[in-house]
Amino acid sequence: MKGLFDNIVLGARAGGDEMATRGNSHLTVQRKGKERDLYTCQICGSNLQIEGHHILNYQYGGAASVDNIVSLCHICHKQVYRGNIDIIKI
């Protein structure tokens, strides 16, 4: 099943110090993004283990906003980080 995004732009994972400094606002943003996407993976359509992914990585200037979040299932999220799937916001 094809999701809403054709491709995904990859970025490196946020480091521990950066994660500690962004507080809880990112959790609220991720929750709102998942709610917007009806807790559905935007790649495969699954509704299991949905996670919020920053389209443009936070450490590279990606906004802590709902517009920068895409909902992915755990499996697709792992594939993004492994470089097997690219996301491009269209």
PDB file of N, CA and C in Angstrom:
ATOM      1  N   MET A   1       0.849  -1.183   0.000  1.00  0.00           N
ATOM      2  CA  MET A   1       0.000   0.000   0.000  1.00  0.00           C
ATOM      3  C   MET A   1       0.885   1.234   0.000  1.00  0.00           C
ATOM      4  N   LYS A   2       0.612   2.164  -0.854  1.00  0.00           N
ATOM      5  CA  LYS A   2       1.411   3.377  -0.962  1.00  0.00           C
ATOM      6  C   LYS A   2       0.926   4.416   0.038  1.00  0.00           C
ATOM      7  N   GLY A   3       1.879   5.055   0.738  1.00  0.00           N
ATOM      8  CA  GLY A   3       1.539   6.077   1.719  1.00  0.00           C
ATOM      9  C   GLY A   3       1.417   7.450   1.076  1.00  0.00           C
ATOM     10  N   LEU A   4       1.300   8.466   1.911  1.00  0.00           N
ATOM     11  CA  LEU A   4       1.142   9.833   1.425  1.00  0.00           C
ATOM     12  C   LEU A   4       2.445  10.431   0.923  1.00  0.00           C
ATOM     13  N   PHE A   5       3.573   9.848   1.329  1.00  0.00           N
ATOM     14  CA  PHE A   5       4.872  10.365   0.917  1.00  0.00           C
ATOM     15  C   PHE A   5       5.482   9.392  -0.079  1.00  0.00           C
ATOM     16  N   ASP A   6       5.999   9.913  -1.194  1.00  0.00           N
ATOM     17  CA  ASP A   6       6.629   9.054  -2.180  1.00  0.00           C
ATOM     18  C   ASP A   6       8.042   8.682  -1.758  1.00  0.00           C
ATOM     19  N   ASN A   7       8.732   9.587  -1.161  1.00  0.00           N
ATOM     20  CA  ASN A   7      10.109   9.355  -0.716  1.00  0.00           C
ATOM     21  C   ASN A   7      10.332  10.046   0.622  1.00  0.00           C
ATOM     22  N   ILE A   8      11.422   9.738   1.296  1.00  0.00           N
ATOM     23  CA  ILE A   8      11.727  10.311   2.610  1.00  0.00           C
ATOM     24  C   ILE A   8      13.159  10.830   2.623  1.00  0.00           C
ATOM     25  N   VAL A   9      13.367  12.081   3.096  1.00  0.00           N
ATOM     26  CA  VAL A   9      14.703  12.658   3.213  1.00  0.00           C
ATOM     27  C   VAL A   9      15.311  12.175   4.515  1.00  0.00           C
ATOM     28  N   LEU A  10      16.501  11.595   4.439  1.00  0.00           N
ATOM     29  CA  LEU A  10      17.137  11.033   5.622  1.00  0.00           C
ATOM     30  C   LEU A  10      18.005  12.043   6.330  1.00  0.00           C
ATOM     31  N   GLY A  11      18.162  11.891   7.625  1.00  0.00           N
ATOM     32  CA  GLY A  11      19.084  12.680   8.440  1.00  0.00           C
ATOM     33  C   GLY A  11      19.617  11.797   9.538  1.00  0.00           C
ATOM     34  N   ALA A  12      20.735  12.185  10.124  1.00  0.00           N
ATOM     35  CA  ALA A  12      21.318  11.409  11.207  1.00  0.00           C
ATOM     36  C   ALA A  12      20.440  11.517  12.443  1.00  0.00           C
ATOM     37  N   ARG A  13      20.560  10.535  13.301  1.00  0.00           N
ATOM     38  CA  ARG A  13      19.819  10.540  14.558  1.00  0.00           C
ATOM     39  C   ARG A  13      20.311  11.636  15.469  1.00  0.00           C
ATOM     40  N   ALA A  14      19.414  12.147  16.275  1.00  0.00           N
ATOM     41  CA  ALA A  14      19.761  13.164  17.262  1.00  0.00           C
ATOM     42  C   ALA A  14      20.632  12.546  18.341  1.00  0.00           C
ATOM     43  N   GLY A  15      21.624  13.295  18.784  1.00  0.00           N
ATOM     44  CA  GLY A  15      22.506  12.827  19.844  1.00  0.00           C
ATOM     45  C   GLY A  15      21.866  12.980  21.207  1.00  0.00           C
ATOM     46  N   GLY A  16      22.469  12.372  22.232  1.00  0.00           N
ATOM     47  CA  GLY A  16      21.934  12.391  23.580  1.00  0.00           C
ATOM     48  C   GLY A  16      21.796  13.785  24.148  1.00  0.00           C
ATOM     49  N   ASP A  17      22.801  14.659  23.972  1.00  0.00           N
ATOM     50  CA  ASP A  17      22.723  16.016  24.509  1.00  0.00           C
ATOM     51  C   ASP A  17      21.579  16.789  23.871  1.00  0.00           C
ATOM     52  N   GLU A  18      21.420  16.639  22.578  1.00  0.00           N
ATOM     53  CA  GLU A  18      20.358  17.353  21.872  1.00  0.00           C
ATOM     54  C   GLU A  18      18.992  16.877  22.340  1.00  0.00           C
ATOM     55  N   MET A  19      18.850  15.575  22.523  1.00  0.00           N
ATOM     56  CA  MET A  19      17.578  15.028  22.978  1.00  0.00           C
ATOM     57  C   MET A  19      17.221  15.575  24.357  1.00  0.00           C
ATOM     58  N   ALA A  20      18.232  15.749  25.208  1.00  0.00           N
ATOM     59  CA  ALA A  20      17.993  16.239  26.565  1.00  0.00           C
ATOM     60  C   ALA A  20      17.560  17.699  26.569  1.00  0.00           C
ATOM     61  N   THR A  21      18.015  18.493  25.585  1.00  0.00           N
ATOM     62  CA  THR A  21      17.731  19.927  25.594  1.00  0.00           C
ATOM     63  C   THR A  21      16.399  20.292  24.957  1.00  0.00           C
ATOM     64  N   ARG A  22      15.760  19.399  24.228  1.00  0.00           N
ATOM     65  CA  ARG A  22      14.531  19.809  23.558  1.00  0.00           C
ATOM     66  C   ARG A  22      13.280  19.645  24.421  1.00  0.00           C
ATOM     67  N   GLY A  23      13.393  19.076  25.585  1.00  0.00           N
ATOM     68  CA  GLY A  23      12.263  19.019  26.502  1.00  0.00           C
ATOM     69  C   GLY A  23      11.138  18.120  26.022  1.00  0.00           C
ATOM     70  N   ASN A  24       9.946  18.352  26.548  1.00  0.00           N
ATOM     71  CA  ASN A  24       8.793  17.507  26.226  1.00  0.00           C
ATOM     72  C   ASN A  24       7.970  18.008  25.045  1.00  0.00           C
ATOM     73  N   SER A  25       8.290  19.180  24.517  1.00  0.00           N
ATOM     74  CA  SER A  25       7.481  19.724  23.418  1.00  0.00           C
ATOM     75  C   SER A  25       7.499  18.808  22.203  1.00  0.00           C
ATOM     76  N   HIS A  26       8.622  18.121  21.963  1.00  0.00           N
ATOM     77  CA  HIS A  26       8.683  17.225  20.804  1.00  0.00           C
ATOM     78  C   HIS A  26       7.713  16.055  20.956  1.00  0.00           C
ATOM     79  N   LEU A  27       7.455  15.629  22.189  1.00  0.00           N
ATOM     80  CA  LEU A  27       6.490  14.548  22.404  1.00  0.00           C
ATOM     81  C   LEU A  27       5.077  15.001  22.044  1.00  0.00           C
ATOM     82  N   THR A  28       4.753  16.232  22.392  1.00  0.00           N
ATOM     83  CA  THR A  28       3.444  16.794  22.046  1.00  0.00           C
ATOM     84  C   THR A  28       3.302  16.914  20.533  1.00  0.00           C
ATOM     85  N   VAL A  29       4.355  17.394  19.875  1.00  0.00           N
ATOM     86  CA  VAL A  29       4.336  17.548  18.415  1.00  0.00           C
ATOM     87  C   VAL A  29       4.187  16.186  17.744  1.00  0.00           C
ATOM     88  N   GLN A  30       4.931  15.189  18.223  1.00  0.00           N
ATOM     89  CA  GLN A  30       4.825  13.855  17.639  1.00  0.00           C
ATOM     90  C   GLN A  30       3.424  13.283  17.840  1.00  0.00           C
ATOM     91  N   ARG A  31       2.838  13.473  19.020  1.00  0.00           N
ATOM     92  CA  ARG A  31       1.487  12.989  19.290  1.00  0.00           C
ATOM     93  C   ARG A  31       0.486  13.650  18.342  1.00  0.00           C
ATOM     94  N   LYS A  32       0.619  14.964  18.154  1.00  0.00           N
ATOM     95  CA  LYS A  32      -0.294  15.679  17.257  1.00  0.00           C
ATOM     96  C   LYS A  32      -0.135  15.206  15.814  1.00  0.00           C
ATOM     97  N   GLY A  33       1.097  14.919  15.405  1.00  0.00           N
ATOM     98  CA  GLY A  33       1.326  14.396  14.061  1.00  0.00           C
ATOM     99  C   GLY A  33       0.693  13.028  13.873  1.00  0.00           C
ATOM    100  N   LYS A  34       0.821  12.177  14.884  1.00  0.00           N
ATOM    101  CA  LYS A  34       0.205  10.851  14.811  1.00  0.00           C
ATOM    102  C   LYS A  34      -1.322  10.957  14.797  1.00  0.00           C
ATOM    103  N   GLU A  35      -1.860  11.886  15.582  1.00  0.00           N
ATOM    104  CA  GLU A  35      -3.315  12.105  15.563  1.00  0.00           C
ATOM    105  C   GLU A  35      -3.767  12.579  14.187  1.00  0.00           C
ATOM    106  N   ARG A  36      -3.023  13.527  13.593  1.00  0.00           N
ATOM    107  CA  ARG A  36      -3.360  14.047  12.260  1.00  0.00           C
ATOM    108  C   ARG A  36      -3.402  12.916  11.236  1.00  0.00           C
ATOM    109  N   ASP A  37      -2.447  11.990  11.361  1.00  0.00           N
ATOM    110  CA  ASP A  37      -2.339  10.878  10.414  1.00  0.00           C
ATOM    111  C   ASP A  37      -3.197   9.678  10.824  1.00  0.00           C
ATOM    112  N   LEU A  38      -4.047   9.884  11.838  1.00  0.00           N
ATOM    113  CA  LEU A  38      -4.952   8.832  12.318  1.00  0.00           C
ATOM    114  C   LEU A  38      -4.200   7.571  12.740  1.00  0.00           C
ATOM    115  N   TYR A  39      -3.017   7.779  13.335  1.00  0.00           N
ATOM    116  CA  TYR A  39      -2.186   6.675  13.833  1.00  0.00           C
ATOM    117  C   TYR A  39      -1.989   5.606  12.758  1.00  0.00           C
ATOM    118  N   THR A  40      -1.684   6.081  11.540  1.00  0.00           N
ATOM    119  CA  THR A  40      -1.484   5.202  10.390  1.00  0.00           C
ATOM    120  C   THR A  40      -0.131   5.488   9.766  1.00  0.00           C
ATOM    121  N   CYS A  41       0.641   4.435   9.488  1.00  0.00           N
ATOM    122  CA  CYS A  41       1.939   4.590   8.830  1.00  0.00           C
ATOM    123  C   CYS A  41       1.717   5.178   7.442  1.00  0.00           C
ATOM    124  N   GLN A  42       2.421   6.243   7.143  1.00  0.00           N
ATOM    125  CA  GLN A  42       2.261   6.935   5.870  1.00  0.00           C
ATOM    126  C   GLN A  42       3.043   6.269   4.742  1.00  0.00           C
ATOM    127  N   ILE A  43       3.728   5.164   5.051  1.00  0.00           N
ATOM    128  CA  ILE A  43       4.413   4.402   4.009  1.00  0.00           C
ATOM    129  C   ILE A  43       3.618   3.149   3.659  1.00  0.00           C
ATOM    130  N   CYS A  44       3.319   2.320   4.678  1.00  0.00           N
ATOM    131  CA  CYS A  44       2.693   1.024   4.392  1.00  0.00           C
ATOM    132  C   CYS A  44       1.225   0.937   4.784  1.00  0.00           C
ATOM    133  N   GLY A  45       0.724   1.918   5.539  1.00  0.00           N
ATOM    134  CA  GLY A  45      -0.676   1.912   5.933  1.00  0.00           C
ATOM    135  C   GLY A  45      -0.981   1.151   7.214  1.00  0.00           C
ATOM    136  N   SER A  46       0.034   0.601   7.868  1.00  0.00           N
ATOM    137  CA  SER A  46      -0.170  -0.126   9.122  1.00  0.00           C
ATOM    138  C   SER A  46      -0.640   0.825  10.219  1.00  0.00           C
ATOM    139  N   ASN A  47      -1.337   0.272  11.199  1.00  0.00           N
ATOM    140  CA  ASN A  47      -1.711   1.070  12.365  1.00  0.00           C
ATOM    141  C   ASN A  47      -1.104   0.492  13.648  1.00  0.00           C
ATOM    142  N   LEU A  48      -0.055  -0.311  13.503  1.00  0.00           N
ATOM    143  CA  LEU A  48       0.630  -0.921  14.642  1.00  0.00           C
ATOM    144  C   LEU A  48       1.932  -0.189  14.948  1.00  0.00           C
ATOM    145  N   GLN A  49       2.213   0.032  16.225  1.00  0.00           N
ATOM    146  CA  GLN A  49       3.464   0.634  16.698  1.00  0.00           C
ATOM    147  C   GLN A  49       3.816   1.915  15.929  1.00  0.00           C
ATOM    148  N   ILE A  50       2.918   2.879  15.926  1.00  0.00           N
ATOM    149  CA  ILE A  50       3.119   4.115  15.172  1.00  0.00           C
ATOM    150  C   ILE A  50       4.032   5.062  15.944  1.00  0.00           C
ATOM    151  N   GLU A  51       5.009   5.616  15.235  1.00  0.00           N
ATOM    152  CA  GLU A  51       5.996   6.536  15.797  1.00  0.00           C
ATOM    153  C   GLU A  51       6.009   7.809  14.966  1.00  0.00           C
ATOM    154  N   GLY A  52       6.336   8.925  15.611  1.00  0.00           N
ATOM    155  CA  GLY A  52       6.479  10.189  14.896  1.00  0.00           C
ATOM    156  C   GLY A  52       7.917  10.367  14.439  1.00  0.00           C
ATOM    157  N   HIS A  53       8.121  10.624  13.163  1.00  0.00           N
ATOM    158  CA  HIS A  53       9.460  10.804  12.586  1.00  0.00           C
ATOM    159  C   HIS A  53       9.603  12.232  12.085  1.00  0.00           C
ATOM    160  N   HIS A  54      10.714  12.885  12.438  1.00  0.00           N
ATOM    161  CA  HIS A  54      10.998  14.225  11.910  1.00  0.00           C
ATOM    162  C   HIS A  54      11.431  14.090  10.451  1.00  0.00           C
ATOM    163  N   ILE A  55      10.722  14.729   9.545  1.00  0.00           N
ATOM    164  CA  ILE A  55      11.063  14.672   8.122  1.00  0.00           C
ATOM    165  C   ILE A  55      12.434  15.300   7.903  1.00  0.00           C
ATOM    166  N   LEU A  56      12.630  16.516   8.393  1.00  0.00           N
ATOM    167  CA  LEU A  56      13.958  17.133   8.408  1.00  0.00           C
ATOM    168  C   LEU A  56      14.443  17.019   9.837  1.00  0.00           C
ATOM    169  N   ASN A  57      15.536  16.291  10.021  1.00  0.00           N
ATOM    170  CA  ASN A  57      16.031  15.984  11.358  1.00  0.00           C
ATOM    171  C   ASN A  57      16.209  17.230  12.199  1.00  0.00           C
ATOM    172  N   TYR A  58      15.819  17.118  13.449  1.00  0.00           N
ATOM    173  CA  TYR A  58      15.891  18.214  14.414  1.00  0.00           C
ATOM    174  C   TYR A  58      17.298  18.805  14.487  1.00  0.00           C
ATOM    175  N   GLN A  59      18.313  17.963  14.492  1.00  0.00           N
ATOM    176  CA  GLN A  59      19.688  18.460  14.628  1.00  0.00           C
ATOM    177  C   GLN A  59      20.165  19.205  13.389  1.00  0.00           C
ATOM    178  N   TYR A  60      19.456  19.076  12.274  1.00  0.00           N
ATOM    179  CA  TYR A  60      19.811  19.803  11.054  1.00  0.00           C
ATOM    180  C   TYR A  60      18.874  20.982  10.804  1.00  0.00           C
ATOM    181  N   GLY A  61      18.215  21.419  11.858  1.00  0.00           N
ATOM    182  CA  GLY A  61      17.360  22.591  11.754  1.00  0.00           C
ATOM    183  C   GLY A  61      15.900  22.298  11.502  1.00  0.00           C
ATOM    184  N   GLY A  62      15.535  21.024  11.528  1.00  0.00           N
ATOM    185  CA  GLY A  62      14.135  20.671  11.347  1.00  0.00           C
ATOM    186  C   GLY A  62      13.280  21.225  12.468  1.00  0.00           C
ATOM    187  N   ALA A  63      12.159  21.768  12.112  1.00  0.00           N
ATOM    188  CA  ALA A  63      11.281  22.413  13.091  1.00  0.00           C
ATOM    189  C   ALA A  63      10.627  21.392  14.008  1.00  0.00           C
ATOM    190  N   ALA A  64      10.411  21.803  15.242  1.00  0.00           N
ATOM    191  CA  ALA A  64       9.639  21.000  16.190  1.00  0.00           C
ATOM    192  C   ALA A  64       8.173  21.361  15.984  1.00  0.00           C
ATOM    193  N   SER A  65       7.660  21.021  14.796  1.00  0.00           N
ATOM    194  CA  SER A  65       6.278  21.349  14.446  1.00  0.00           C
ATOM    195  C   SER A  65       5.616  20.143  13.792  1.00  0.00           C
ATOM    196  N   VAL A  66       4.308  20.121  13.833  1.00  0.00           N
ATOM    197  CA  VAL A  66       3.546  19.019  13.254  1.00  0.00           C
ATOM    198  C   VAL A  66       3.831  18.887  11.760  1.00  0.00           C
ATOM    199  N   ASP A  67       4.087  19.996  11.078  1.00  0.00           N
ATOM    200  CA  ASP A  67       4.382  19.956   9.641  1.00  0.00           C
ATOM    201  C   ASP A  67       5.668  19.209   9.327  1.00  0.00           C
ATOM    202  N   ASN A  68       6.525  19.008  10.321  1.00  0.00           N
ATOM    203  CA  ASN A  68       7.794  18.316  10.126  1.00  0.00           C
ATOM    204  C   ASN A  68       7.738  16.879  10.649  1.00  0.00           C
ATOM    205  N   ILE A  69       6.551  16.386  10.953  1.00  0.00           N
ATOM    206  CA  ILE A  69       6.388  15.034  11.483  1.00  0.00           C
ATOM    207  C   ILE A  69       5.628  14.184  10.481  1.00  0.00           C
ATOM    208  N   VAL A  70       6.078  12.951  10.308  1.00  0.00           N
ATOM    209  CA  VAL A  70       5.346  11.961   9.531  1.00  0.00           C
ATOM    210  C   VAL A  70       5.194  10.729  10.422  1.00  0.00           C
ATOM    211  N   SER A  71       4.029  10.115  10.377  1.00  0.00           N
ATOM    212  CA  SER A  71       3.754   8.927  11.180  1.00  0.00           C
ATOM    213  C   SER A  71       4.230   7.691  10.434  1.00  0.00           C
ATOM    214  N   LEU A  72       5.042   6.893  11.130  1.00  0.00           N
ATOM    215  CA  LEU A  72       5.584   5.665  10.554  1.00  0.00           C
ATOM    216  C   LEU A  72       5.414   4.525  11.542  1.00  0.00           C
ATOM    217  N   CYS A  73       5.167   3.321  11.040  1.00  0.00           N
ATOM    218  CA  CYS A  73       5.179   2.159  11.920  1.00  0.00           C
ATOM    219  C   CYS A  73       6.637   1.876  12.286  1.00  0.00           C
ATOM    220  N   HIS A  74       6.831   1.093  13.320  1.00  0.00           N
ATOM    221  CA  HIS A  74       8.184   0.818  13.796  1.00  0.00           C
ATOM    222  C   HIS A  74       9.051   0.201  12.692  1.00  0.00           C
ATOM    223  N   ILE A  75       8.485  -0.694  11.914  1.00  0.00           N
ATOM    224  CA  ILE A  75       9.257  -1.370  10.858  1.00  0.00           C
ATOM    225  C   ILE A  75       9.704  -0.380   9.786  1.00  0.00           C
ATOM    226  N   CYS A  76       8.789   0.456   9.297  1.00  0.00           N
ATOM    227  CA  CYS A  76       9.162   1.444   8.276  1.00  0.00           C
ATOM    228  C   CYS A  76      10.124   2.479   8.844  1.00  0.00           C
ATOM    229  N   HIS A  77       9.930   2.860  10.118  1.00  0.00           N
ATOM    230  CA  HIS A  77      10.827   3.826  10.750  1.00  0.00           C
ATOM    231  C   HIS A  77      12.254   3.284  10.777  1.00  0.00           C
ATOM    232  N   LYS A  78      12.414   1.999  11.097  1.00  0.00           N
ATOM    233  CA  LYS A  78      13.746   1.380  11.081  1.00  0.00           C
ATOM    234  C   LYS A  78      14.333   1.410   9.676  1.00  0.00           C
ATOM    235  N   GLN A  79      13.503   1.175   8.668  1.00  0.00           N
ATOM    236  CA  GLN A  79      13.990   1.172   7.289  1.00  0.00           C
ATOM    237  C   GLN A  79      14.459   2.559   6.859  1.00  0.00           C
ATOM    238  N   VAL A  80      13.797   3.606   7.351  1.00  0.00           N
ATOM    239  CA  VAL A  80      14.234   4.977   7.065  1.00  0.00           C
ATOM    240  C   VAL A  80      15.623   5.193   7.642  1.00  0.00           C
ATOM    241  N   TYR A  81      15.821   4.824   8.903  1.00  0.00           N
ATOM    242  CA  TYR A  81      17.117   5.038   9.545  1.00  0.00           C
ATOM    243  C   TYR A  81      18.217   4.181   8.942  1.00  0.00           C
ATOM    244  N   ARG A  82      17.865   3.049   8.383  1.00  0.00           N
ATOM    245  CA  ARG A  82      18.863   2.192   7.724  1.00  0.00           C
ATOM    246  C   ARG A  82      19.199   2.689   6.320  1.00  0.00           C
ATOM    247  N   GLY A  83      18.436   3.657   5.829  1.00  0.00           N
ATOM    248  CA  GLY A  83      18.702   4.208   4.506  1.00  0.00           C
ATOM    249  C   GLY A  83      18.017   3.457   3.383  1.00  0.00           C
ATOM    250  N   ASN A  84      17.094   2.561   3.721  1.00  0.00           N
ATOM    251  CA  ASN A  84      16.396   1.783   2.704  1.00  0.00           C
ATOM    252  C   ASN A  84      15.172   2.496   2.138  1.00  0.00           C
ATOM    253  N   ILE A  85      14.702   3.526   2.835  1.00  0.00           N
ATOM    254  CA  ILE A  85      13.554   4.317   2.386  1.00  0.00           C
ATOM    255  C   ILE A  85      13.920   5.786   2.524  1.00  0.00           C
ATOM    256  N   ASP A  86      13.632   6.570   1.507  1.00  0.00           N
ATOM    257  CA  ASP A  86      13.848   8.023   1.542  1.00  0.00           C
ATOM    258  C   ASP A  86      12.491   8.714   1.558  1.00  0.00           C
ATOM    259  N   ILE A  87      12.366   9.761   2.383  1.00  0.00           N
ATOM    260  CA  ILE A  87      11.117  10.535   2.426  1.00  0.00           C
ATOM    261  C   ILE A  87      11.397  11.947   1.942  1.00  0.00           C
ATOM    262  N   ILE A  88      10.598  12.416   0.998  1.00  0.00           N
ATOM    263  CA  ILE A  88      10.673  13.796   0.527  1.00  0.00           C
ATOM    264  C   ILE A  88       9.288  14.391   0.713  1.00  0.00           C
ATOM    265  N   LYS A  89       9.208  15.494   1.429  1.00  0.00           N
ATOM    266  CA  LYS A  89       7.914  16.142   1.648  1.00  0.00           C
ATOM    267  C   LYS A  89       7.464  16.777   0.340  1.00  0.00           C
ATOM    268  N   ILE A  90       6.237  16.445  -0.090  1.00  0.00           N
ATOM    269  CA  ILE A  90       5.718  16.978  -1.355  1.00  0.00           C
ATOM    270  C   ILE A  90       4.523  17.866  -1.109  1.00  0.00           C
TER     271      ILE A  90
END
